[in-house]
Amino acid sequence: MAKLELRTASITTVAELIRKKEISPVEVIDAFLQRIGAVQKRINAFITVLDREAREAARRAEEEIAKGHYRGPLHGIPFAAKDLFFTGGVKTTCGSRILADFVPKENGTVISRLIGAGAILVGKTNMHEFAFGTTNLNNHYGHARNPWNFEHMTGGSSGGSAAALASSCALLTLGTDTGGSIRIPSTLCGTVGIKPTYGRVSKFGVYPLCWSLDHPGPMTRTVADAAIALRFMAGHDPKDPCSKEVPVADYYSGLTGDIRGVRIGVPDTYYFEQIDPEVEAGARKAIDGLKELGAEVGPLHIPDLDEAAVATLLILSSEAASCLEKFHRTRPNDIGDDVRARLDLGALQLATCYVKAQRVRRIAQENFSRVLKEVDVLVTPGVSITAPRLEESTVRLDDDDVPTGVALTRCTRIYNLVGLPSVSVPVGLSRAGLPIGIQIAGRPFGEELVLRVADAYERHIYPPSEWPALD
């Protein structure tokens, strides 16, 4: 039997070993559960670990494969879900005290699709309470900690999912992204995360925060793994009224490594303002690398980005106040101070402000539609800073003290407003040894090209084999 090296494991490598019967699902799940047990106290990536259930599922997978019933590249692959994905018979806390004992009766659509493909759920991951925050500081279940430096944040709200990946506790994790909550922790923890087009992945069985900005998506260690996972997660779901009937490509087959002639636009304003110099240097170096691979790279102007960013925050606060209104009204003392303050603010928003924000959203969608006729994809920094320390409420940028949450979401939140696909990919480390990333965004339902550009960078410029190993 082959030996499983967790530090270099990916879905593609492990799936091939399982398919060839060189390693069994039981061995795979045992190895990952042991890893969870070894690092959980240090990183606090999980709220619930499904030790017994995962081992039973692994035994069933082993029996199926032995009988010739191999389901495909996710069969026997360990995955973990952010603790707002409904899991039948397994508690789903949303990182909150209020839902500490909530046990859904059935799986959400994404969970059902992954389990149907043979993936094995090993646990539910830590998150910012009700997904309403970007730090993953959680006083109910403890703070998730960045595996690159335990004194630093993972970012949120899907911070436990990114920490689990970076510390080799799973090969696939699930996140949701309302203002950057997949891409922020992916960037800060040195993993890959994709926010698909709005309507590409079903939200049925995902606890809502903001129905018009929420996007579920996969988080993985490589772009190829994200392509595999998204293929199984995506597709129309009649249970989700926001789901779109758009054909799903074979994203993995589209990873050719060739981006010659792809037109890449680099916004000339906003994204490179209020940014850590190291992050800017890393992003610009990565953009130069894409140019060396044959892409046509040039600056472009997207108007009204500051207004779009404000509109995103107004819509988020208003819709979140509505989604969580019952808890905010009946159990305010059971909600964390930071989340309660945001709900207080959202409850005071005027309907006129919400309507005006929606008008700005339409203008932003038209602006992005126009520039994406001139170029194929957009490339920007992933997050404007590296992972802050746990206690940092502000960061210093351009001689200003900027609230940490604002700095974390600056580069990501507008893509939630316009609903475009965006993938974060690591490009290196800061001098302090903290990850830096870029994000690549594209046209509606253009995940195939977005992933191809990200994969080309990962494959030719910064391959996983060159990433530093974490203990």
Protein backbone atom coordinates (compact mmCIF):
# COMPACT_ATOMS: atom_id res chain seq x y z
CA MET A 1 0.00 0.00 0.00
CA ALA A 2 1.16 3.52 -0.76
CA LYS A 3 1.97 5.82 2.12
CA LEU A 4 -0.25 8.87 2.44
CA GLU A 5 1.75 12.09 2.83
CA LEU A 6 -0.72 14.54 4.31
CA ARG A 7 1.44 17.61 3.71
CA THR A 8 1.42 17.11 -0.06
CA ALA A 9 -1.94 15.37 -0.38
CA SER A 10 -4.55 16.72 -2.76
CA ILE A 11 -7.82 15.39 -4.09
CA THR A 12 -6.20 14.57 -7.42
CA THR A 13 -3.34 12.55 -5.88
CA VAL A 14 -5.41 10.75 -3.24
CA ALA A 15 -8.26 9.98 -5.65
CA GLU A 16 -5.83 8.28 -8.01
CA LEU A 17 -4.42 6.16 -5.18
CA ILE A 18 -7.92 5.15 -4.12
CA ARG A 19 -8.98 4.39 -7.70
CA LYS A 20 -5.96 2.13 -8.19
CA LYS A 21 -6.66 0.53 -4.78
CA GLU A 22 -3.16 1.47 -3.63
CA ILE A 23 -4.73 3.00 -0.54
CA SER A 24 -8.13 2.47 1.00
CA PRO A 25 -10.71 5.04 2.13
CA VAL A 26 -10.36 3.62 5.65
CA GLU A 27 -6.64 4.44 5.66
CA VAL A 28 -7.31 7.90 4.25
CA ILE A 29 -9.96 8.79 6.81
CA ASP A 30 -7.92 7.34 9.68
CA ALA A 31 -4.97 9.52 8.68
CA PHE A 32 -7.02 12.70 8.50
CA LEU A 33 -8.88 12.05 11.74
CA GLN A 34 -5.55 11.50 13.48
CA ARG A 35 -4.32 14.78 12.04
CA ILE A 36 -7.41 16.58 13.33
CA GLY A 37 -6.78 15.15 16.78
CA ALA A 38 -3.18 16.32 16.67
CA VAL A 39 -3.79 19.96 15.68
CA GLN A 40 -7.33 20.86 16.78
CA LYS A 41 -6.26 22.28 20.15
CA ARG A 42 -3.81 24.61 18.41
CA ILE A 43 -5.93 25.90 15.52
CA ASN A 44 -9.52 25.29 16.71
CA ALA A 45 -10.70 24.69 13.15
CA PHE A 46 -13.65 22.47 14.09
CA ILE A 47 -16.81 22.85 16.14
CA THR A 48 -17.82 19.21 15.63
CA VAL A 49 -15.65 16.24 14.59
CA LEU A 50 -17.53 13.23 13.19
CA ASP A 51 -15.04 10.53 14.14
CA ARG A 52 -17.42 7.55 14.34
CA GLU A 53 -19.60 8.57 11.40
CA ALA A 54 -16.61 9.21 9.14
CA ARG A 55 -15.04 5.84 9.94
CA GLU A 56 -18.30 4.06 9.18
CA ALA A 57 -18.63 5.91 5.87
CA ALA A 58 -15.04 5.00 5.01
CA ARG A 59 -15.74 1.31 5.58
CA ARG A 60 -18.77 1.51 3.31
CA ALA A 61 -16.71 3.27 0.65
CA GLU A 62 -14.00 0.64 0.89
CA GLU A 63 -16.57 -2.13 0.38
CA GLU A 64 -18.14 -0.37 -2.60
CA ILE A 65 -14.81 0.18 -4.33
CA ALA A 66 -13.73 -3.39 -3.66
CA LYS A 67 -16.88 -4.53 -5.48
CA GLY A 68 -16.10 -2.30 -8.45
CA HIS A 69 -18.53 0.50 -7.63
CA TYR A 70 -16.12 3.43 -7.82
CA ARG A 71 -18.12 6.67 -7.94
CA GLY A 72 -15.42 9.02 -9.15
CA PRO A 73 -12.71 11.38 -7.89
CA LEU A 74 -14.47 12.27 -4.61
CA HIS A 75 -15.10 8.69 -3.52
CA GLY A 76 -13.43 8.24 -0.14
CA ILE A 77 -12.22 11.87 -0.01
CA PRO A 78 -12.52 13.61 3.41
CA PHE A 79 -14.34 16.92 3.47
CA ALA A 80 -15.51 19.33 6.15
CA ALA A 81 -18.35 21.83 6.02
CA LYS A 82 -18.68 25.27 7.52
CA ASP A 83 -21.12 24.90 10.38
CA LEU A 84 -24.02 26.59 8.60
CA PHE A 85 -24.47 23.86 5.98
CA PHE A 86 -27.40 21.71 7.09
CA THR A 87 -26.31 18.16 7.92
CA GLY A 88 -29.10 15.71 8.71
CA GLY A 89 -28.75 14.29 12.22
CA VAL A 90 -25.65 16.41 12.93
CA LYS A 91 -25.82 19.70 14.80
CA THR A 92 -25.45 22.88 12.79
CA THR A 93 -24.63 25.74 15.15
CA CYS A 94 -23.87 28.60 12.73
CA GLY A 95 -21.12 29.42 15.21
CA SER A 96 -23.78 30.69 17.60
CA ARG A 97 -25.00 30.03 21.11
CA ILE A 98 -28.60 30.34 19.93
CA LEU A 99 -28.35 27.37 17.54
CA ALA A 100 -25.98 25.32 19.70
CA ASP A 101 -28.42 22.39 19.77
CA PHE A 102 -29.97 22.76 16.31
CA VAL A 103 -29.98 19.45 14.43
CA PRO A 104 -31.40 19.59 10.87
CA LYS A 105 -33.60 16.76 9.68
CA GLU A 106 -31.98 16.57 6.26
CA ASN A 107 -28.86 17.52 4.37
CA GLY A 108 -28.62 20.65 2.30
CA THR A 109 -28.27 20.19 -1.45
CA VAL A 110 -24.50 20.67 -1.57
CA ILE A 111 -23.92 18.19 1.25
CA SER A 112 -26.18 15.65 -0.48
CA ARG A 113 -24.35 16.06 -3.78
CA LEU A 114 -20.92 15.57 -2.24
CA ILE A 115 -21.96 12.57 -0.19
CA GLY A 116 -23.66 11.17 -3.28
CA ALA A 117 -20.31 11.47 -5.06
CA GLY A 118 -18.70 9.41 -2.30
CA ALA A 119 -17.06 12.19 -0.27
CA ILE A 120 -16.89 11.60 3.49
CA LEU A 121 -17.81 14.30 5.99
CA VAL A 122 -15.26 14.45 8.82
CA GLY A 123 -16.54 17.51 10.65
CA LYS A 124 -18.21 20.91 10.84
CA THR A 125 -15.83 23.86 10.88
CA ASN A 126 -15.53 26.94 13.06
CA MET A 127 -16.90 30.20 11.73
CA HIS A 128 -17.74 33.77 12.62
CA GLU A 129 -21.09 33.79 14.40
CA PHE A 130 -23.93 33.59 11.86
CA ALA A 131 -21.25 34.31 9.21
CA PHE A 132 -21.59 37.99 10.09
CA GLY A 133 -17.93 38.95 10.41
CA THR A 134 -14.55 38.71 8.74
CA THR A 135 -12.16 37.78 11.57
CA ASN A 136 -13.47 34.39 12.77
CA LEU A 137 -13.10 35.60 16.34
CA ASN A 138 -15.81 33.65 18.13
CA ASN A 139 -16.39 33.89 21.86
CA HIS A 140 -18.89 31.02 21.86
CA TYR A 141 -16.58 28.33 20.39
CA GLY A 142 -13.17 29.96 20.59
CA HIS A 143 -11.20 31.74 17.91
CA ALA A 144 -9.96 29.88 14.85
CA ARG A 145 -6.20 30.41 14.56
CA ASN A 146 -4.06 30.79 11.49
CA PRO A 147 -1.85 27.70 10.97
CA TRP A 148 0.96 29.94 9.67
CA ASN A 149 1.08 31.79 12.99
CA PHE A 150 -1.27 30.89 15.83
CA GLU A 151 -1.33 34.49 17.10
CA HIS A 152 -2.92 35.67 13.84
CA MET A 153 -6.44 35.51 12.44
CA THR A 154 -7.66 33.07 9.85
CA GLY A 155 -10.03 35.65 8.45
CA GLY A 156 -13.69 34.86 8.18
CA SER A 157 -16.34 34.02 8.15
CA SER A 158 -15.21 30.62 6.80
CA GLY A 159 -12.01 30.69 8.83
CA GLY A 160 -12.24 27.19 10.25
CA SER A 161 -12.58 25.76 6.75
CA ALA A 162 -9.39 27.49 5.56
CA ALA A 163 -7.47 26.56 8.72
CA ALA A 164 -8.50 22.91 8.34
CA LEU A 165 -7.16 22.84 4.79
CA ALA A 166 -3.92 24.65 5.54
CA SER A 167 -3.18 22.30 8.43
CA SER A 168 -3.98 19.14 6.41
CA CYS A 169 -7.17 18.18 8.25
CA ALA A 170 -9.25 17.70 5.08
CA LEU A 171 -8.87 17.77 1.31
CA LEU A 172 -12.01 19.79 0.65
CA THR A 173 -13.95 22.20 2.83
CA LEU A 174 -17.07 24.22 2.21
CA GLY A 175 -17.51 27.91 2.81
CA THR A 176 -19.95 30.69 2.12
CA ASP A 177 -19.04 34.10 0.78
CA THR A 178 -21.18 37.19 1.43
CA GLY A 179 -18.48 39.86 1.33
CA GLY A 180 -15.37 37.72 0.90
CA SER A 181 -15.88 34.95 3.45
CA ILE A 182 -14.42 32.22 1.23
CA ARG A 183 -11.70 34.29 -0.41
CA ILE A 184 -10.50 36.20 2.66
CA PRO A 185 -9.61 33.15 4.81
CA SER A 186 -8.33 31.31 1.76
CA THR A 187 -5.94 34.17 1.05
CA LEU A 188 -4.85 34.62 4.67
CA CYS A 189 -4.28 30.88 5.17
CA GLY A 190 -2.61 30.17 1.83
CA THR A 191 -5.31 28.00 0.25
CA VAL A 192 -7.57 28.20 -2.80
CA GLY A 193 -11.18 29.32 -2.61
CA ILE A 194 -13.76 30.12 -5.26
CA LYS A 195 -16.89 32.20 -4.95
CA PRO A 196 -18.93 30.99 -7.92
CA THR A 197 -21.38 33.07 -9.90
CA TYR A 198 -24.53 33.91 -7.95
CA GLY A 199 -26.97 31.08 -8.65
CA ARG A 200 -24.31 28.57 -9.73
CA VAL A 201 -24.30 26.59 -6.43
CA SER A 202 -27.50 25.87 -4.50
CA LYS A 203 -28.16 27.70 -1.24
CA PHE A 204 -30.84 25.22 -0.15
CA GLY A 205 -29.84 23.96 3.28
CA VAL A 206 -27.40 26.81 3.91
CA TYR A 207 -28.37 29.08 6.80
CA PRO A 208 -28.84 32.55 5.26
CA LEU A 209 -27.20 35.79 6.23
CA CYS A 210 -27.95 37.95 3.19
CA TRP A 211 -29.98 36.25 0.48
CA SER A 212 -28.83 38.46 -2.40
CA LEU A 213 -25.10 38.33 -1.53
CA ASP A 214 -24.61 34.79 -0.13
CA HIS A 215 -22.56 32.44 -2.33
CA PRO A 216 -21.62 28.85 -1.26
CA GLY A 217 -18.42 27.45 -2.73
CA PRO A 218 -15.51 25.02 -2.35
CA MET A 219 -12.21 25.63 -0.59
CA THR A 220 -9.27 23.40 -1.47
CA ARG A 221 -5.50 23.16 -1.42
CA THR A 222 -5.07 23.41 -5.20
CA VAL A 223 -6.95 24.91 -8.13
CA ALA A 224 -7.37 21.48 -9.73
CA ASP A 225 -9.09 20.28 -6.56
CA ALA A 226 -11.42 23.30 -6.63
CA ALA A 227 -12.32 22.48 -10.23
CA ILE A 228 -13.18 18.90 -9.30
CA ALA A 229 -15.25 19.90 -6.28
CA LEU A 230 -17.15 22.67 -8.05
CA ARG A 231 -18.21 20.29 -10.82
CA PHE A 232 -20.05 18.14 -8.28
CA MET A 233 -21.46 21.08 -6.28
CA ALA A 234 -22.73 23.20 -9.16
CA GLY A 235 -25.94 22.91 -11.11
CA HIS A 236 -29.57 23.92 -11.00
CA ASP A 237 -31.56 23.06 -7.89
CA PRO A 238 -35.35 23.52 -7.96
CA LYS A 239 -35.31 23.82 -4.16
CA ASP A 240 -33.37 27.10 -4.43
CA PRO A 241 -35.32 29.91 -6.13
CA CYS A 242 -32.04 31.74 -6.84
CA SER A 243 -30.51 28.74 -8.64
CA LYS A 244 -29.89 29.21 -12.36
CA GLU A 245 -30.42 26.69 -15.16
CA VAL A 246 -27.03 27.13 -16.79
CA PRO A 247 -24.97 24.15 -18.06
CA VAL A 248 -22.04 23.13 -15.85
CA ALA A 249 -18.70 22.63 -17.56
CA ASP A 250 -16.12 19.97 -16.78
CA TYR A 251 -13.89 22.48 -15.03
CA TYR A 252 -11.06 20.02 -14.45
CA SER A 253 -10.73 19.17 -18.15
CA GLY A 254 -10.54 22.88 -18.86
CA LEU A 255 -7.28 23.24 -16.91
CA THR A 256 -4.94 23.23 -19.89
CA GLY A 257 -2.17 25.33 -18.36
CA ASP A 258 -2.29 27.54 -21.47
CA ILE A 259 -3.44 31.16 -21.11
CA ARG A 260 -1.79 32.60 -24.22
CA GLY A 261 -3.95 35.36 -25.60
CA VAL A 262 -6.21 35.59 -22.56
CA ARG A 263 -6.97 39.27 -21.97
CA ILE A 264 -6.36 40.25 -18.35
CA GLY A 265 -7.49 43.60 -17.00
CA VAL A 266 -5.91 45.21 -13.95
CA PRO A 267 -8.14 47.92 -12.42
CA ASP A 268 -6.30 51.23 -12.19
CA THR A 269 -8.10 52.49 -9.08
CA TYR A 270 -9.46 51.25 -5.76
CA TYR A 271 -7.88 47.77 -5.49
CA PHE A 272 -4.33 49.08 -5.16
CA GLU A 273 -5.29 51.84 -2.71
CA GLN A 274 -5.13 51.38 1.09
CA ILE A 275 -2.97 48.30 0.65
CA ASP A 276 -0.01 46.80 2.47
CA PRO A 277 3.10 47.44 0.31
CA GLU A 278 4.16 43.80 0.55
CA VAL A 279 0.75 42.65 -0.64
CA GLU A 280 0.84 45.10 -3.55
CA ALA A 281 4.33 43.97 -4.54
CA GLY A 282 3.28 40.31 -4.37
CA ALA A 283 0.18 40.93 -6.47
CA ARG A 284 2.04 42.93 -9.12
CA LYS A 285 4.73 40.27 -9.34
CA ALA A 286 2.03 37.65 -9.84
CA ILE A 287 0.42 39.75 -12.57
CA ASP A 288 3.82 40.01 -14.30
CA GLY A 289 4.02 36.21 -14.06
CA LEU A 290 0.70 35.85 -15.87
CA LYS A 291 2.01 38.14 -18.59
CA GLU A 292 5.09 35.94 -18.96
CA LEU A 293 2.76 32.99 -19.55
CA GLY A 294 1.42 34.72 -22.65
CA ALA A 295 -1.59 36.58 -21.32
CA GLU A 296 -2.32 40.06 -22.63
CA VAL A 297 -2.22 42.26 -19.53
CA GLY A 298 -3.22 45.90 -19.34
CA PRO A 299 -4.81 48.50 -17.06
CA LEU A 300 -8.47 49.40 -17.23
CA HIS A 301 -10.82 51.74 -15.43
CA ILE A 302 -13.93 50.64 -13.55
CA PRO A 303 -15.91 53.66 -12.36
CA ASP A 304 -17.80 54.16 -9.12
CA LEU A 305 -16.07 51.41 -7.13
CA ASP A 306 -16.17 53.32 -3.86
CA GLU A 307 -19.92 53.78 -4.23
CA ALA A 308 -20.32 50.08 -5.03
CA ALA A 309 -18.42 49.13 -1.88
CA VAL A 310 -20.71 51.27 0.26
CA ALA A 311 -23.79 49.80 -1.44
CA THR A 312 -22.57 46.30 -0.61
CA LEU A 313 -22.35 47.15 3.08
CA LEU A 314 -25.81 48.75 3.09
CA ILE A 315 -27.42 45.74 1.44
CA LEU A 316 -25.58 43.33 3.73
CA SER A 317 -26.55 45.10 6.94
CA SER A 318 -30.19 45.49 5.90
CA GLU A 319 -30.71 41.92 4.72
CA ALA A 320 -28.79 40.42 7.66
CA ALA A 321 -30.98 42.39 10.08
CA SER A 322 -34.00 40.87 8.34
CA CYS A 323 -32.64 37.29 8.26
CA LEU A 324 -31.69 37.37 11.95
CA GLU A 325 -34.49 39.64 13.13
CA LYS A 326 -36.16 37.03 15.36
CA PHE A 327 -32.97 36.23 17.28
CA HIS A 328 -31.99 39.89 17.46
CA ARG A 329 -35.39 40.74 18.93
CA THR A 330 -35.90 37.80 21.31
CA ARG A 331 -32.37 36.76 22.36
CA PRO A 332 -30.04 39.73 21.93
CA ASN A 333 -27.92 38.84 24.95
CA ASP A 334 -27.07 35.47 23.39
CA ILE A 335 -25.52 37.16 20.36
CA GLY A 336 -21.87 38.21 20.43
CA ASP A 337 -21.20 41.91 20.92
CA ASP A 338 -19.73 42.46 17.46
CA VAL A 339 -22.55 40.71 15.62
CA ARG A 340 -25.22 42.37 17.76
CA ALA A 341 -23.73 45.80 16.99
CA ARG A 342 -23.94 45.07 13.26
CA LEU A 343 -27.54 43.92 13.63
CA ASP A 344 -28.37 47.07 15.60
CA LEU A 345 -27.01 49.13 12.74
CA GLY A 346 -28.85 47.11 10.10
CA ALA A 347 -32.14 47.42 11.96
CA LEU A 348 -31.82 51.21 11.77
CA GLN A 349 -31.23 51.33 8.01
CA LEU A 350 -33.85 53.28 6.09
CA ALA A 351 -35.71 51.58 3.28
CA THR A 352 -34.70 54.49 1.05
CA CYS A 353 -31.02 53.69 1.66
CA TYR A 354 -31.59 50.04 0.75
CA VAL A 355 -33.37 51.01 -2.48
CA LYS A 356 -30.62 53.45 -3.42
CA ALA A 357 -28.01 50.74 -2.76
CA GLN A 358 -29.85 48.43 -5.15
CA ARG A 359 -29.73 51.14 -7.80
CA VAL A 360 -25.98 51.43 -7.29
CA ARG A 361 -25.76 47.66 -7.62
CA ARG A 362 -27.38 47.82 -11.06
CA ILE A 363 -24.93 50.51 -12.16
CA ALA A 364 -22.01 48.41 -10.85
CA GLN A 365 -23.25 45.35 -12.75
CA GLU A 366 -23.43 47.41 -15.93
CA ASN A 367 -19.93 48.78 -15.35
CA PHE A 368 -18.43 45.31 -14.86
CA SER A 369 -20.37 43.95 -17.83
CA ARG A 370 -18.88 46.68 -19.99
CA VAL A 371 -15.26 46.12 -18.94
CA LEU A 372 -15.61 42.34 -19.25
CA LYS A 373 -16.33 42.85 -22.93
CA GLU A 374 -12.93 44.46 -23.23
CA VAL A 375 -11.05 41.80 -21.23
CA ASP A 376 -11.61 38.15 -20.33
CA VAL A 377 -10.77 38.28 -16.62
CA LEU A 378 -9.82 40.79 -13.93
CA VAL A 379 -6.88 40.29 -11.57
CA THR A 380 -6.44 42.14 -8.28
CA PRO A 381 -4.93 41.53 -4.85
CA GLY A 382 -6.89 38.94 -2.90
CA VAL A 383 -6.89 40.81 0.42
CA SER A 384 -5.22 44.18 0.97
CA ILE A 385 -3.37 43.01 4.10
CA THR A 386 -1.82 39.85 5.49
CA ALA A 387 -3.43 38.08 8.43
CA PRO A 388 -3.73 40.53 11.37
CA ARG A 389 -2.97 39.51 14.91
CA LEU A 390 -5.96 38.25 16.87
CA GLU A 391 -6.23 41.40 18.95
CA GLU A 392 -5.82 43.92 16.11
CA SER A 393 -9.01 45.93 15.63
CA THR A 394 -7.35 48.37 13.23
CA VAL A 395 -4.47 48.21 10.77
CA ARG A 396 -2.25 51.03 9.55
CA LEU A 397 -2.60 51.72 5.82
CA ASP A 398 -1.54 54.88 3.99
CA ASP A 399 -1.01 56.66 7.33
CA ASP A 400 -4.60 55.90 8.39
CA ASP A 401 -5.94 53.55 11.05
CA VAL A 402 -8.35 51.38 9.08
CA PRO A 403 -10.80 49.01 10.84
CA THR A 404 -9.60 45.46 10.34
CA GLY A 405 -12.90 44.29 8.89
CA VAL A 406 -12.88 47.07 6.31
CA ALA A 407 -9.33 46.25 5.25
CA LEU A 408 -10.13 42.54 4.96
CA THR A 409 -13.15 43.03 2.70
CA ARG A 410 -11.96 45.93 0.56
CA CYS A 411 -10.87 43.80 -2.41
CA THR A 412 -13.55 41.12 -2.21
CA ARG A 413 -16.98 42.55 -1.38
CA ILE A 414 -17.81 44.19 -4.71
CA TYR A 415 -17.79 40.82 -6.47
CA ASN A 416 -20.60 39.75 -4.14
CA LEU A 417 -22.57 42.83 -5.16
CA VAL A 418 -22.26 42.06 -8.88
CA GLY A 419 -22.41 38.26 -8.46
CA LEU A 420 -19.35 37.46 -10.58
CA PRO A 421 -17.15 34.37 -10.09
CA SER A 422 -13.88 35.04 -8.29
CA VAL A 423 -11.14 32.66 -7.19
CA SER A 424 -8.32 33.34 -4.73
CA VAL A 425 -4.96 31.67 -5.25
CA PRO A 426 -1.73 31.92 -3.19
CA VAL A 427 1.22 33.77 -4.71
CA GLY A 428 3.75 33.80 -1.89
CA LEU A 429 4.58 34.80 1.66
CA SER A 430 5.34 38.09 3.35
CA ARG A 431 8.62 38.68 5.18
CA ALA A 432 6.78 37.64 8.34
CA GLY A 433 5.87 34.31 6.74
CA LEU A 434 2.17 35.06 6.19
CA PRO A 435 0.39 34.17 2.93
CA ILE A 436 -0.35 36.64 0.14
CA GLY A 437 -2.80 35.95 -2.67
CA ILE A 438 -4.48 37.34 -5.75
CA GLN A 439 -8.04 36.98 -6.94
CA ILE A 440 -9.14 36.35 -10.50
CA ALA A 441 -12.68 37.29 -11.51
CA GLY A 442 -14.59 36.73 -14.71
CA ARG A 443 -17.88 36.94 -16.55
CA PRO A 444 -21.11 35.45 -15.17
CA PHE A 445 -20.84 31.65 -15.20
CA GLY A 446 -17.29 31.99 -16.48
CA GLU A 447 -15.79 29.77 -13.77
CA GLU A 448 -14.01 27.62 -16.35
CA LEU A 449 -11.76 30.44 -17.57
CA VAL A 450 -11.25 31.91 -14.10
CA LEU A 451 -10.04 28.52 -12.88
CA ARG A 452 -7.86 28.01 -15.97
CA VAL A 453 -6.01 31.27 -15.35
CA ALA A 454 -5.59 30.44 -11.65
CA ASP A 455 -4.35 26.94 -12.48
CA ALA A 456 -1.85 28.24 -15.03
CA TYR A 457 -0.38 30.54 -12.40
CA GLU A 458 -0.29 27.77 -9.81
CA ARG A 459 1.13 25.24 -12.26
CA HIS A 460 3.89 27.36 -13.81
CA ILE A 461 4.70 30.15 -11.36
CA TYR A 462 4.01 29.00 -7.79
CA PRO A 463 3.32 25.23 -7.74
CA PRO A 464 2.23 23.56 -4.50
CA SER A 465 5.47 21.59 -4.44
CA GLU A 466 7.29 24.87 -3.71
CA TRP A 467 5.04 25.93 -0.83
CA PRO A 468 6.63 25.81 2.61
CA ALA A 469 5.41 22.89 4.72
CA LEU A 470 3.48 23.55 7.91
CA ASP A 471 4.02 21.44 11.02
